[in-house]
N, C-alpha and C. Protein backbone atom coordinates (compact mmCIF):
# COMPACT_ATOMS: atom_id res chain seq x y z
N MET A 1 18.90 46.89 114.58
CA MET A 1 18.38 46.68 113.24
C MET A 1 19.53 46.73 112.24
N ARG A 2 19.37 45.98 111.19
CA ARG A 2 20.32 46.01 110.09
C ARG A 2 19.65 46.67 108.89
N HIS A 3 20.42 47.30 108.05
CA HIS A 3 19.88 48.02 106.90
C HIS A 3 19.94 47.17 105.64
N LYS A 4 18.92 47.32 104.81
CA LYS A 4 18.84 46.66 103.51
C LYS A 4 18.22 47.67 102.56
N THR A 5 18.86 47.93 101.46
CA THR A 5 18.36 48.90 100.48
C THR A 5 17.53 48.18 99.44
N ILE A 6 16.38 48.78 99.09
CA ILE A 6 15.54 48.22 98.04
C ILE A 6 15.31 49.29 96.97
N THR A 7 15.00 48.86 95.76
CA THR A 7 14.73 49.76 94.66
C THR A 7 13.24 49.72 94.36
N LEU A 8 12.63 50.90 94.25
CA LEU A 8 11.21 51.00 93.97
C LEU A 8 11.00 51.73 92.65
N CYS A 9 9.97 51.32 91.93
CA CYS A 9 9.58 52.05 90.72
C CYS A 9 8.84 53.31 91.19
N PRO A 10 8.56 54.25 90.29
CA PRO A 10 7.86 55.47 90.72
C PRO A 10 6.51 55.20 91.40
N THR A 11 5.77 54.20 90.93
CA THR A 11 4.47 53.89 91.53
C THR A 11 4.62 53.35 92.94
N THR A 12 5.51 52.37 93.13
CA THR A 12 5.68 51.80 94.48
C THR A 12 6.34 52.81 95.41
N TYR A 13 7.16 53.70 94.87
CA TYR A 13 7.75 54.75 95.71
C TYR A 13 6.65 55.65 96.29
N GLU A 14 5.70 56.04 95.46
CA GLU A 14 4.60 56.89 95.93
C GLU A 14 3.76 56.19 96.99
N ILE A 15 3.51 54.89 96.80
CA ILE A 15 2.76 54.13 97.80
C ILE A 15 3.53 54.10 99.12
N ALA A 16 4.82 53.78 99.05
CA ALA A 16 5.66 53.71 100.25
C ALA A 16 5.78 55.07 100.94
N ARG A 17 5.87 56.12 100.16
CA ARG A 17 6.02 57.47 100.71
C ARG A 17 4.81 57.88 101.55
N LYS A 18 3.64 57.38 101.20
CA LYS A 18 2.40 57.74 101.91
C LYS A 18 2.18 56.91 103.18
N MET A 19 2.94 55.85 103.36
CA MET A 19 2.76 54.98 104.53
C MET A 19 3.43 55.59 105.75
N ASP A 20 2.80 55.40 106.93
CA ASP A 20 3.36 55.91 108.18
C ASP A 20 4.71 55.27 108.49
N ASN A 21 4.81 53.96 108.32
CA ASN A 21 6.03 53.24 108.69
C ASN A 21 6.27 52.12 107.68
N PHE A 22 6.85 52.47 106.56
CA PHE A 22 7.12 51.52 105.48
C PHE A 22 8.03 50.38 105.94
N SER A 23 9.04 50.69 106.72
CA SER A 23 9.97 49.66 107.19
C SER A 23 9.26 48.61 108.05
N ALA A 24 8.35 49.05 108.94
CA ALA A 24 7.61 48.10 109.77
C ALA A 24 6.73 47.21 108.90
N TRP A 25 6.12 47.79 107.88
CA TRP A 25 5.27 47.02 106.97
C TRP A 25 6.09 45.96 106.24
N ILE A 26 7.27 46.32 105.76
CA ILE A 26 8.15 45.36 105.09
C ILE A 26 8.52 44.23 106.04
N ARG A 27 8.89 44.57 107.28
CA ARG A 27 9.25 43.53 108.25
C ARG A 27 8.08 42.59 108.51
N GLN A 28 6.87 43.14 108.65
CA GLN A 28 5.69 42.31 108.90
C GLN A 28 5.40 41.40 107.71
N GLU A 29 5.51 41.92 106.50
CA GLU A 29 5.25 41.11 105.31
C GLU A 29 6.28 39.99 105.18
N LEU A 30 7.53 40.27 105.49
CA LEU A 30 8.57 39.22 105.44
C LEU A 30 8.32 38.15 106.49
N MET A 31 7.88 38.56 107.68
CA MET A 31 7.60 37.59 108.73
C MET A 31 6.39 36.73 108.36
N LYS A 32 5.37 37.33 107.73
CA LYS A 32 4.21 36.56 107.28
C LYS A 32 4.62 35.53 106.24
N LYS A 33 5.48 35.94 105.31
CA LYS A 33 5.94 35.02 104.27
C LYS A 33 6.71 33.86 104.89
N GLN A 34 7.58 34.17 105.83
CA GLN A 34 8.35 33.13 106.50
C GLN A 34 7.43 32.18 107.26
N ALA A 35 6.43 32.73 107.95
CA ALA A 35 5.52 31.91 108.74
C ALA A 35 4.72 30.96 107.86
N THR A 36 4.27 31.44 106.71
CA THR A 36 3.46 30.58 105.84
C THR A 36 4.32 29.65 105.01
N GLN A 37 5.54 30.03 104.73
CA GLN A 37 6.39 29.21 103.87
C GLN A 37 7.09 28.09 104.63
N TYR A 38 7.52 28.36 105.84
CA TYR A 38 8.36 27.40 106.55
C TYR A 38 7.72 26.72 107.75
N LYS A 39 6.55 27.16 108.16
CA LYS A 39 5.94 26.58 109.35
C LYS A 39 4.55 26.05 109.01
N ALA A 40 4.17 25.00 109.70
CA ALA A 40 2.81 24.48 109.53
C ALA A 40 1.83 25.48 110.11
N LYS A 41 0.71 25.64 109.46
CA LYS A 41 -0.31 26.57 109.96
C LYS A 41 -0.99 25.97 111.19
N PRO A 42 -1.20 26.79 112.19
CA PRO A 42 -1.88 26.28 113.39
C PRO A 42 -3.34 25.96 113.07
N GLU A 43 -3.88 25.00 113.79
CA GLU A 43 -5.27 24.61 113.60
C GLU A 43 -6.17 25.37 114.57
N ILE A 44 -5.92 26.65 114.68
CA ILE A 44 -6.68 27.51 115.58
C ILE A 44 -7.77 28.20 114.78
N LYS A 45 -8.98 28.19 115.32
CA LYS A 45 -10.11 28.81 114.65
C LYS A 45 -10.27 30.29 115.01
N GLU A 46 -9.64 30.73 116.10
CA GLU A 46 -9.79 32.12 116.53
C GLU A 46 -9.20 33.06 115.51
N LYS A 47 -9.83 34.21 115.39
CA LYS A 47 -9.34 35.28 114.53
C LYS A 47 -9.12 36.52 115.37
N TYR A 48 -8.06 37.23 115.07
CA TYR A 48 -7.73 38.48 115.74
C TYR A 48 -7.88 39.61 114.73
N GLY A 49 -8.14 40.81 115.21
CA GLY A 49 -8.41 41.91 114.30
C GLY A 49 -7.56 43.14 114.53
N ALA A 50 -7.41 43.90 113.44
CA ALA A 50 -6.80 45.23 113.48
C ALA A 50 -7.69 46.13 112.64
N TYR A 51 -7.96 47.33 113.14
CA TYR A 51 -8.92 48.23 112.50
C TYR A 51 -8.25 49.49 111.98
N CYS A 52 -8.59 49.88 110.74
CA CYS A 52 -8.14 51.14 110.15
C CYS A 52 -9.31 52.10 110.17
N GLU A 53 -9.21 53.14 110.99
CA GLU A 53 -10.30 54.10 111.12
C GLU A 53 -10.53 54.91 109.83
N PRO A 54 -9.48 55.44 109.17
CA PRO A 54 -9.74 56.23 107.96
C PRO A 54 -10.44 55.42 106.86
N CYS A 55 -10.11 54.14 106.73
CA CYS A 55 -10.71 53.30 105.68
C CYS A 55 -11.95 52.55 106.17
N ASP A 56 -12.18 52.54 107.50
CA ASP A 56 -13.28 51.79 108.10
C ASP A 56 -13.22 50.32 107.69
N VAL A 57 -12.02 49.73 107.84
CA VAL A 57 -11.77 48.35 107.44
C VAL A 57 -11.16 47.60 108.63
N THR A 58 -11.61 46.37 108.85
CA THR A 58 -11.02 45.50 109.86
C THR A 58 -10.31 44.36 109.16
N PHE A 59 -9.06 44.11 109.52
CA PHE A 59 -8.27 43.02 108.98
C PHE A 59 -8.25 41.89 110.00
N LEU A 60 -8.44 40.66 109.55
CA LEU A 60 -8.45 39.50 110.43
C LEU A 60 -7.28 38.59 110.11
N ASP A 61 -6.76 37.94 111.15
CA ASP A 61 -5.69 36.96 110.99
C ASP A 61 -5.72 36.03 112.19
N SER A 62 -5.24 34.81 112.01
CA SER A 62 -5.18 33.86 113.12
C SER A 62 -3.95 34.07 113.99
N ASP A 63 -3.01 34.90 113.53
CA ASP A 63 -1.79 35.18 114.29
C ASP A 63 -1.85 36.60 114.84
N PRO A 64 -2.08 36.74 116.15
CA PRO A 64 -2.22 38.09 116.71
C PRO A 64 -0.94 38.92 116.62
N VAL A 65 0.21 38.27 116.58
CA VAL A 65 1.49 38.99 116.53
C VAL A 65 1.59 39.82 115.25
N LEU A 66 1.04 39.32 114.16
CA LEU A 66 1.10 40.04 112.89
C LEU A 66 0.27 41.32 112.90
N LEU A 67 -0.73 41.38 113.77
CA LEU A 67 -1.64 42.53 113.79
C LEU A 67 -1.29 43.56 114.86
N GLN A 68 -0.45 43.20 115.79
CA GLN A 68 -0.11 44.11 116.88
C GLN A 68 0.92 45.14 116.42
N GLY A 69 1.05 46.20 117.17
CA GLY A 69 2.08 47.20 116.88
C GLY A 69 1.72 48.15 115.76
N ARG A 70 0.44 48.52 115.64
CA ARG A 70 -0.03 49.46 114.62
C ARG A 70 0.36 49.02 113.22
N MET A 71 -0.04 47.80 112.87
CA MET A 71 0.18 47.25 111.55
C MET A 71 -0.32 48.25 110.49
N PRO A 72 0.45 48.51 109.43
CA PRO A 72 -0.02 49.43 108.39
C PRO A 72 -1.24 48.87 107.66
N CYS A 73 -2.20 49.73 107.38
CA CYS A 73 -3.39 49.36 106.62
C CYS A 73 -2.98 48.96 105.21
N LYS A 74 -3.60 47.90 104.68
CA LYS A 74 -3.27 47.44 103.34
C LYS A 74 -3.83 48.36 102.26
N LYS A 75 -4.77 49.23 102.63
CA LYS A 75 -5.36 50.15 101.65
C LYS A 75 -4.67 51.51 101.64
N CYS A 76 -4.49 52.11 102.83
CA CYS A 76 -3.97 53.48 102.88
C CYS A 76 -2.57 53.59 103.49
N GLY A 77 -2.11 52.54 104.17
CA GLY A 77 -0.77 52.57 104.77
C GLY A 77 -0.70 53.18 106.15
N LYS A 78 -1.79 53.75 106.64
CA LYS A 78 -1.80 54.32 107.99
C LYS A 78 -1.80 53.20 109.03
N GLY A 79 -1.34 53.51 110.24
CA GLY A 79 -1.31 52.52 111.30
C GLY A 79 -2.70 52.10 111.76
N THR A 80 -2.88 50.80 111.97
CA THR A 80 -4.16 50.28 112.43
C THR A 80 -4.17 50.15 113.95
N THR A 81 -5.35 49.91 114.50
CA THR A 81 -5.52 49.69 115.94
C THR A 81 -5.80 48.22 116.17
N TYR A 82 -5.00 47.59 117.02
CA TYR A 82 -5.18 46.17 117.33
C TYR A 82 -6.46 46.00 118.15
N LEU A 83 -7.34 45.10 117.73
CA LEU A 83 -8.62 44.87 118.40
C LEU A 83 -8.61 43.66 119.32
N GLY A 84 -7.67 42.75 119.13
CA GLY A 84 -7.65 41.53 119.92
C GLY A 84 -8.48 40.44 119.29
N LEU A 85 -8.97 39.52 120.13
CA LEU A 85 -9.73 38.36 119.66
C LEU A 85 -11.08 38.81 119.11
N ILE A 86 -11.39 38.38 117.89
CA ILE A 86 -12.65 38.75 117.24
C ILE A 86 -13.59 37.56 117.18
N GLU A 87 -13.11 36.40 116.71
CA GLU A 87 -13.95 35.20 116.55
C GLU A 87 -13.36 34.06 117.34
């Protein structure tokens, strides 16, 4: 891994501080941006899921790679559980 320093305001610092793995979340968000910005979206109808137990929320995406590896919850920052194919 290579290091990159970022500057956070007090509000975003508190959000990041509460997340289990802020660095993994940043990497996933950058990969999502790259995938949507530079690649054509697949014409796949299947949806894959990741579940956050504390928030009781399921996140869906057509790219299972983005949801695997205990993706941080978008609400609380805790690691989610990959559910696999949902639809």
